[in-house]
Amino acid sequence: MFRNNLLKLKQKMNENNIDLAVITDDDSLYYFTGYHDFLHMDFNRPTILLVPKDDESTLITPLLDVLLVPKDSPVGNIETWNDGIGNEWRELLPKIIKQNKNVTCEKYKINATVSIYLSDLMNGKPMGDITQIINNLRMIKTDKELKIARHAGEVAMAMMEGAKKAIGHNVPEYEIAIAQSQAGTRKAAELLKAHYNNINMSPNIHFLPVITSGKDLPRTHHRASTKLIQKGDPVFLCYCGSTNFHRFKLGFDRIFWVEEIIDNNQIKAFEVAVKSQQAALSVLGPGVTAEEVHAAYADTIQSEGYPYPTFRCGRGTGFSFLEEPQLVVGNKTVLQPGMVFAVDGGSSAKDFRGQVGDSFIITKDGYEQITHHSKLIEDLII
């Protein structure tokens, strides 16, 4: 998978007369090399992939992490550096940069420290932007990536089942977070052992989970807290970041109620959220534009008397939390088979926000849904 990804990048570089790509983004590094879990700029230790169009690629990485580089990585040269020794990660860059005329990077993803150094090295000459080329490559998933996506869906559903078992009166939000993390991790471990030959890939669900309850539901990305959930409370579970299987991220959202629904206005708002997602799915498929999907969703919400939505209908997903294209007004990207999307439905009411979300693979005939849970009100009261 990684070798083919790198070969496709080199092909596009030759087609566009690009001499060198400088890549520092974690997810792009993984996409092209299979290298992951290294300690990078969080500890001021950059890892840099240098991809020339007609020569072997070079990976510059801290010495303490070099044993994490996969043995079958398609990178031809691996160069290490040590804290405080010589010019650290900068050592090789002057020679390589000067050998190439058209140097590019992912303009809005390149590490700031590396970007500043390269700018000085190039006497202020701006680097080209290879972002769109890389985005276009990553938009269409390979068969291996789609296999991982389907398994990520299984992990997400296991997480939701684990959370449901923990939800109850006087249960703190963080206990639900622990329960869903445990369930997801166990499912991920099961899938890794059964389907993948990568002992170094962690099954652990490690992202801070989004869980909101009661009147806090409009606080969309609230993290699980010590707050005690009460009878009648709605509980919102959002897995847009925490489902992270084999580095593949998905979207999956539901609202549950504890034992009963006290405010019937919540039922109406939730049903509109479901209806708006259904409207989006009636359009979703190959050949339509991203903005057409968003329009179907937004028009439905407004036709039900609710304000224009405060968030897009959905987004591309993959090895990054947010990939192109986004299902948003103005995005004219035509959907193609092999794209993976999180598609939401939503509405807003006083002290409440209805939302549902699932993930889908675009197929030649429409779409394949890879996360599943009932949206019927009676199935969401637990």
Protein backbone atom coordinates (compact mmCIF):
# COMPACT_ATOMS: atom_id res chain seq x y z
CA MET A 1 0.00 0.00 0.00
CA PHE A 2 2.65 2.52 1.06
CA ARG A 3 4.97 1.77 -1.86
CA ASN A 4 2.18 2.29 -4.36
CA ASN A 5 1.17 5.53 -2.63
CA LEU A 6 4.73 6.84 -2.91
CA LEU A 7 4.99 5.79 -6.56
CA LYS A 8 1.75 7.62 -7.36
CA LEU A 9 3.13 10.75 -5.70
CA LYS A 10 6.32 10.60 -7.76
CA GLN A 11 4.28 10.14 -10.93
CA LYS A 12 2.24 13.26 -10.16
CA MET A 13 5.43 15.17 -9.35
CA ASN A 14 6.85 14.31 -12.76
CA GLU A 15 3.60 15.30 -14.48
CA ASN A 16 3.70 18.68 -12.71
CA ASN A 17 7.46 19.31 -12.99
CA ILE A 18 7.98 19.20 -9.23
CA ASP A 19 11.55 18.35 -8.22
CA LEU A 20 11.14 17.76 -4.47
CA ALA A 21 8.34 17.35 -1.93
CA VAL A 22 9.06 18.08 1.74
CA ILE A 23 6.52 16.30 3.98
CA THR A 24 6.25 16.66 7.77
CA ASP A 25 2.55 16.01 8.45
CA ASP A 26 2.11 12.86 10.56
CA ASP A 27 -0.74 11.43 8.52
CA SER A 28 0.92 12.07 5.17
CA LEU A 29 4.14 10.55 6.50
CA TYR A 30 2.21 7.42 7.41
CA TYR A 31 0.36 7.38 4.07
CA PHE A 32 3.61 7.34 2.09
CA THR A 33 5.93 5.38 4.41
CA GLY A 34 3.97 3.34 6.96
CA TYR A 35 5.96 5.08 9.72
CA HIS A 36 3.93 5.99 12.80
CA ASP A 37 3.96 6.52 16.57
CA PHE A 38 7.21 8.50 16.57
CA LEU A 39 7.67 11.47 18.92
CA HIS A 40 7.93 14.46 16.66
CA MET A 41 7.26 18.17 17.08
CA ASP A 42 5.36 17.73 20.34
CA PHE A 43 8.86 17.27 21.72
CA ASN A 44 10.57 19.55 19.19
CA ARG A 45 11.78 16.52 17.25
CA PRO A 46 10.70 16.82 13.61
CA THR A 47 10.51 13.87 11.25
CA ILE A 48 10.87 14.88 7.60
CA LEU A 49 10.22 12.94 4.41
CA LEU A 50 12.06 14.22 1.32
CA VAL A 51 10.63 12.89 -1.94
CA PRO A 52 12.57 13.74 -5.14
CA LYS A 53 10.77 13.00 -8.39
CA ASP A 54 13.53 10.80 -9.88
CA ASP A 55 15.55 9.47 -6.95
CA GLU A 56 15.21 7.52 -3.71
CA SER A 57 13.26 9.17 -0.92
CA THR A 58 14.93 10.13 2.34
CA LEU A 59 13.42 9.94 5.80
CA ILE A 60 15.06 12.15 8.44
CA THR A 61 14.03 10.99 11.91
CA PRO A 62 15.28 11.15 15.51
CA LEU A 63 17.75 8.41 16.39
CA LEU A 64 15.67 7.30 19.37
CA ASP A 65 12.72 6.45 17.08
CA VAL A 66 14.50 4.86 14.13
CA LEU A 67 13.62 1.30 15.22
CA LEU A 68 9.95 2.17 14.66
CA VAL A 69 10.51 2.62 10.92
CA PRO A 70 8.89 -0.44 9.27
CA LYS A 71 11.36 -2.84 7.68
CA ASP A 72 9.29 -2.84 4.50
CA SER A 73 9.01 0.95 4.29
CA PRO A 74 9.45 2.11 0.68
CA VAL A 75 11.87 4.85 1.73
CA GLY A 76 15.32 4.32 0.22
CA ASN A 77 17.42 6.32 2.69
CA ILE A 78 16.94 6.68 6.42
CA GLU A 79 18.96 9.40 8.14
CA THR A 80 18.97 9.91 11.90
CA TRP A 81 19.83 12.80 14.16
CA ASN A 82 20.38 13.13 17.91
CA ASP A 83 19.35 15.84 20.36
CA GLY A 84 21.98 18.60 20.54
CA ILE A 85 24.48 16.87 18.24
CA GLY A 86 25.71 18.96 15.30
CA ASN A 87 22.94 20.71 13.42
CA GLU A 88 20.41 18.00 14.33
CA TRP A 89 17.72 17.46 11.64
CA ARG A 90 19.04 20.41 9.61
CA GLU A 91 22.30 18.64 8.73
CA LEU A 92 21.26 17.14 5.38
CA LEU A 93 18.79 19.74 4.20
CA PRO A 94 21.10 22.38 2.64
CA LYS A 95 22.62 19.93 0.16
CA ILE A 96 19.32 18.34 -0.84
CA ILE A 97 17.45 21.63 -1.17
CA LYS A 98 20.17 23.17 -3.35
CA GLN A 99 20.05 20.18 -5.70
CA ASN A 100 16.41 20.87 -6.56
CA LYS A 101 14.76 23.89 -8.18
CA ASN A 102 11.03 23.37 -7.71
CA VAL A 103 10.69 22.55 -4.00
CA THR A 104 7.19 22.00 -2.61
CA CYS A 105 5.48 21.24 0.68
CA GLU A 106 1.98 20.86 2.13
CA LYS A 107 1.67 24.61 2.65
CA TYR A 108 -0.74 24.59 5.57
CA LYS A 109 0.52 21.38 7.18
CA ILE A 110 4.28 21.76 7.14
CA ASN A 111 5.81 22.11 10.57
CA ALA A 112 6.41 25.79 11.35
CA THR A 113 9.99 25.32 12.59
CA VAL A 114 10.96 23.33 9.50
CA SER A 115 9.19 25.84 7.24
CA ILE A 116 11.09 28.80 8.71
CA TYR A 117 14.42 27.01 8.37
CA LEU A 118 13.72 26.09 4.74
CA SER A 119 12.67 29.67 3.96
CA ASP A 120 15.98 30.94 5.30
CA LEU A 121 17.79 28.23 3.36
CA MET A 122 16.06 29.30 0.15
CA ASN A 123 16.71 33.01 0.78
CA GLY A 124 13.01 33.70 1.18
CA LYS A 125 12.00 32.07 -2.12
CA PRO A 126 8.53 30.61 -1.52
CA MET A 127 8.07 26.87 -1.74
CA GLY A 128 5.44 25.50 -4.07
CA ASP A 129 2.31 23.92 -2.63
CA ILE A 130 1.78 20.20 -3.23
CA THR A 131 -1.28 20.02 -0.97
CA GLN A 132 -3.85 19.53 -3.73
CA ILE A 133 -1.88 16.73 -5.36
CA ILE A 134 -1.59 14.87 -2.05
CA ASN A 135 -5.24 15.56 -1.19
CA ASN A 136 -6.35 14.14 -4.54
CA LEU A 137 -4.28 11.00 -4.01
CA ARG A 138 -5.65 10.48 -0.51
CA MET A 139 -9.29 11.17 -1.46
CA ILE A 140 -9.67 7.87 -3.33
CA LYS A 141 -8.99 5.00 -0.97
CA THR A 142 -7.26 1.79 -2.05
CA ASP A 143 -8.83 -1.61 -1.40
CA LYS A 144 -6.55 -2.02 1.62
CA GLU A 145 -7.64 1.31 3.03
CA LEU A 146 -11.31 0.40 2.52
CA LYS A 147 -10.73 -2.83 4.41
CA ILE A 148 -9.35 -0.77 7.31
CA ALA A 149 -12.30 1.64 7.04
CA ARG A 150 -14.82 -1.19 7.37
CA HIS A 151 -12.98 -2.53 10.41
CA ALA A 152 -12.91 1.00 11.87
CA GLY A 153 -16.69 0.92 11.55
CA GLU A 154 -16.78 -2.28 13.60
CA VAL A 155 -14.63 -0.64 16.26
CA ALA A 156 -16.94 2.39 16.37
CA MET A 157 -20.00 0.20 16.82
CA ALA A 158 -18.29 -1.76 19.60
CA MET A 159 -17.50 1.54 21.31
CA MET A 160 -21.13 2.61 21.16
CA GLU A 161 -22.34 -0.68 22.60
CA GLY A 162 -19.83 -0.34 25.42
CA ALA A 163 -20.99 3.21 26.12
CA LYS A 164 -24.67 2.20 26.16
CA LYS A 165 -24.00 -0.40 28.86
CA ALA A 166 -22.45 2.29 31.06
CA ILE A 167 -25.04 5.05 30.59
CA GLY A 168 -27.40 5.45 33.54
CA HIS A 169 -28.72 7.68 36.31
CA ASN A 170 -25.95 9.15 38.50
CA VAL A 171 -23.18 7.77 36.26
CA PRO A 172 -20.38 10.31 35.61
CA GLU A 173 -19.59 11.09 31.98
CA TYR A 174 -16.01 9.91 32.31
CA GLU A 175 -17.18 6.38 33.20
CA ILE A 176 -18.94 6.21 29.84
CA ALA A 177 -15.72 7.37 28.17
CA ILE A 178 -13.77 4.61 29.91
CA ALA A 179 -16.35 1.98 28.96
CA GLN A 180 -16.40 2.89 25.28
CA SER A 181 -12.62 3.08 25.14
CA GLN A 182 -12.28 -0.39 26.64
CA ALA A 183 -14.87 -1.87 24.28
CA GLY A 184 -13.26 -0.23 21.25
CA THR A 185 -9.75 -1.26 22.24
CA ARG A 186 -10.78 -4.90 22.72
CA LYS A 187 -12.53 -4.96 19.34
CA ALA A 188 -9.55 -3.30 17.67
CA ALA A 189 -7.17 -5.86 19.21
CA GLU A 190 -9.39 -8.68 17.97
CA LEU A 191 -9.38 -7.30 14.42
CA LEU A 192 -5.65 -6.59 14.41
CA LYS A 193 -4.85 -10.14 15.48
CA ALA A 194 -7.24 -11.69 12.97
CA HIS A 195 -6.56 -9.59 9.88
CA TYR A 196 -3.26 -7.68 10.10
CA ASN A 197 0.37 -8.65 10.35
CA ASN A 198 1.50 -5.57 12.27
CA ILE A 199 2.36 -6.26 15.89
CA ASN A 200 3.42 -2.62 16.35
CA MET A 201 0.01 -1.10 15.58
CA SER A 202 -1.68 -0.19 18.87
CA PRO A 203 -5.35 -1.10 19.36
CA ASN A 204 -5.78 1.48 22.10
CA ILE A 205 -8.48 4.13 21.74
CA HIS A 206 -6.64 7.18 23.00
CA PHE A 207 -8.43 10.33 21.79
CA LEU A 208 -10.28 12.45 24.35
CA PRO A 209 -13.91 11.43 23.75
CA VAL A 210 -16.70 13.89 23.06
CA ILE A 211 -19.56 13.23 25.47
CA THR A 212 -22.17 15.80 26.47
CA SER A 213 -25.31 15.38 28.54
CA GLY A 214 -28.37 17.26 29.75
CA LYS A 215 -28.53 20.95 28.90
CA ASP A 216 -24.88 20.90 27.77
CA LEU A 217 -25.73 19.28 24.40
CA PRO A 218 -25.31 22.56 22.46
CA ARG A 219 -21.67 22.53 23.66
CA THR A 220 -20.85 20.35 20.69
CA HIS A 221 -17.31 19.18 21.39
CA HIS A 222 -17.46 19.05 25.18
CA ARG A 223 -15.15 16.38 26.63
CA ALA A 224 -16.33 13.81 29.14
CA SER A 225 -16.30 15.35 32.62
CA THR A 226 -17.11 14.39 36.22
CA LYS A 227 -20.70 15.56 35.72
CA LEU A 228 -23.32 13.04 36.88
CA ILE A 229 -25.90 12.07 34.27
CA GLN A 230 -29.49 12.24 35.48
CA LYS A 231 -32.70 10.38 34.62
CA GLY A 232 -34.27 12.00 31.54
CA ASP A 233 -30.99 13.48 30.32
CA PRO A 234 -30.03 13.21 26.66
CA VAL A 235 -26.46 11.90 26.23
CA PHE A 236 -24.58 12.74 23.03
CA LEU A 237 -21.80 10.42 21.87
CA CYS A 238 -19.55 11.72 19.09
CA TYR A 239 -16.83 9.47 17.68
CA CYS A 240 -15.49 11.86 15.05
CA GLY A 241 -12.03 11.68 16.58
CA SER A 242 -11.98 8.79 19.01
CA THR A 243 -12.64 6.01 16.48
CA ASN A 244 -9.07 5.64 15.29
CA PHE A 245 -8.46 2.07 14.10
CA HIS A 246 -5.20 1.33 12.32
CA ARG A 247 -4.90 5.14 12.14
CA PHE A 248 -8.17 5.38 10.12
CA LYS A 249 -10.68 7.87 11.53
CA LEU A 250 -14.45 7.76 11.13
CA GLY A 251 -17.53 9.73 12.09
CA PHE A 252 -20.32 8.11 14.16
CA ASP A 253 -22.78 10.03 16.38
CA ARG A 254 -25.91 9.19 18.35
CA ILE A 255 -28.01 10.63 21.16
CA PHE A 256 -29.41 8.41 23.91
CA TRP A 257 -31.83 9.26 26.70
CA VAL A 258 -31.65 7.93 30.26
CA GLU A 259 -34.88 6.00 30.98
CA GLU A 260 -37.25 8.64 29.58
CA ILE A 261 -37.60 11.83 27.52
CA ILE A 262 -38.84 14.75 29.61
CA ASP A 263 -38.97 17.44 26.90
CA ASN A 264 -40.90 16.47 23.75
CA ASN A 265 -39.24 19.31 21.84
CA GLN A 266 -36.12 17.16 21.89
CA ILE A 267 -37.96 14.43 20.00
CA LYS A 268 -38.93 16.83 17.21
CA ALA A 269 -35.41 18.26 16.94
CA PHE A 270 -33.88 14.79 16.82
CA GLU A 271 -36.34 13.59 14.18
CA VAL A 272 -35.43 16.61 12.03
CA ALA A 273 -31.76 15.69 12.43
CA VAL A 274 -32.53 12.17 11.19
CA LYS A 275 -34.62 13.57 8.32
CA SER A 276 -31.82 15.91 7.24
CA GLN A 277 -29.32 13.04 7.16
CA GLN A 278 -31.76 10.98 5.12
CA ALA A 279 -32.08 13.90 2.68
CA ALA A 280 -28.30 14.03 2.31
CA LEU A 281 -28.16 10.27 1.74
CA SER A 282 -30.83 10.52 -0.96
CA VAL A 283 -28.29 12.57 -2.93
CA LEU A 284 -25.02 10.94 -1.82
CA GLY A 285 -23.30 8.94 -4.55
CA PRO A 286 -20.88 9.12 -7.48
CA GLY A 287 -21.27 11.99 -9.91
CA VAL A 288 -22.87 14.51 -7.53
CA THR A 289 -20.98 17.43 -6.06
CA ALA A 290 -20.11 17.79 -2.39
CA GLU A 291 -22.18 20.97 -2.12
CA GLU A 292 -25.28 19.21 -3.49
CA VAL A 293 -25.19 16.80 -0.54
CA HIS A 294 -24.87 19.70 1.90
CA ALA A 295 -27.72 21.59 0.20
CA ALA A 296 -30.13 18.66 0.60
CA TYR A 297 -29.28 18.48 4.30
CA ALA A 298 -29.47 22.25 4.94
CA ASP A 299 -32.69 22.74 2.95
CA THR A 300 -34.42 20.02 4.95
CA ILE A 301 -33.46 21.58 8.28
CA GLN A 302 -34.73 24.99 7.22
CA SER A 303 -37.94 23.59 5.71
CA GLU A 304 -38.77 22.20 9.16
CA GLY A 305 -38.56 25.65 10.70
CA TYR A 306 -35.06 25.37 12.17
CA PRO A 307 -32.24 27.84 11.44
CA TYR A 308 -29.54 27.23 8.85
CA PRO A 309 -27.19 24.59 10.31
CA THR A 310 -24.14 25.67 12.29
CA PHE A 311 -21.96 22.96 10.75
CA ARG A 312 -21.32 21.27 7.40
CA CYS A 313 -23.16 18.10 6.42
CA GLY A 314 -20.01 16.02 6.48
CA ARG A 315 -16.41 15.56 5.52
CA GLY A 316 -14.00 13.18 3.90
CA THR A 317 -12.24 10.89 6.36
CA GLY A 318 -9.23 8.59 6.24
CA PHE A 319 -5.88 8.60 8.00
CA SER A 320 -6.64 12.22 8.95
CA PHE A 321 -9.60 13.48 10.97
CA LEU A 322 -10.48 15.86 8.14
CA GLU A 323 -9.83 15.03 4.51
CA GLU A 324 -11.12 16.39 1.23
CA PRO A 325 -13.70 16.91 0.04
CA GLN A 326 -15.86 18.50 2.69
CA LEU A 327 -19.62 18.29 2.22
CA VAL A 328 -20.14 22.02 2.50
CA VAL A 329 -21.62 24.90 0.52
CA GLY A 330 -19.28 26.00 -2.26
CA ASN A 331 -17.39 22.70 -2.60
CA LYS A 332 -17.87 21.57 -6.19
CA THR A 333 -15.77 18.42 -5.96
CA VAL A 334 -17.49 15.55 -7.77
CA LEU A 335 -17.86 12.46 -5.57
CA GLN A 336 -16.16 9.29 -6.82
CA PRO A 337 -16.12 5.61 -5.85
CA GLY A 338 -13.56 4.94 -3.14
CA MET A 339 -14.15 8.15 -1.19
CA VAL A 340 -15.09 7.77 2.48
CA PHE A 341 -17.35 10.28 4.24
CA ALA A 342 -18.84 11.07 7.59
CA VAL A 343 -22.39 12.29 6.86
CA ASP A 344 -24.35 14.06 9.59
CA GLY A 345 -27.83 15.30 10.25
CA GLY A 346 -28.60 18.03 12.77
CA SER A 347 -30.87 20.68 14.20
CA SER A 348 -30.76 23.13 17.09
CA ALA A 349 -33.32 23.87 19.81
CA LYS A 350 -33.26 25.53 23.24
CA ASP A 351 -30.78 23.70 25.50
CA PHE A 352 -30.62 20.87 22.96
CA ARG A 353 -29.01 19.97 19.66
CA GLY A 354 -30.18 17.03 17.62
CA GLN A 355 -27.48 15.15 15.76
CA VAL A 356 -26.85 11.82 14.08
CA GLY A 357 -23.83 10.78 12.09
CA ASP A 358 -22.56 7.74 10.19
CA SER A 359 -19.75 6.84 7.82
CA PHE A 360 -20.07 5.73 4.21
CA ILE A 361 -17.97 4.49 1.31
CA ILE A 362 -18.92 5.84 -2.11
CA THR A 363 -19.49 2.95 -4.54
CA LYS A 364 -20.12 2.86 -8.29
CA ASP A 365 -23.86 2.54 -7.65
CA GLY A 366 -24.30 4.73 -4.55
CA TYR A 367 -22.81 4.13 -1.13
CA GLU A 368 -22.00 1.48 1.46
CA GLN A 369 -22.78 2.31 5.08
CA ILE A 370 -20.08 1.15 7.51
CA THR A 371 -21.51 2.30 10.86
CA HIS A 372 -24.91 1.18 12.05
CA HIS A 373 -27.22 1.90 14.98
CA SER A 374 -30.97 2.45 15.08
CA LYS A 375 -32.24 6.02 14.92
CA LEU A 376 -35.70 5.12 16.25
CA ILE A 377 -36.54 7.03 19.42
CA GLU A 378 -37.69 3.88 21.24
CA ASP A 379 -34.28 2.29 20.62
CA LEU A 380 -32.42 5.31 21.98
CA ILE A 381 -34.08 5.38 25.42
CA ILE A 382 -31.93 3.19 27.67
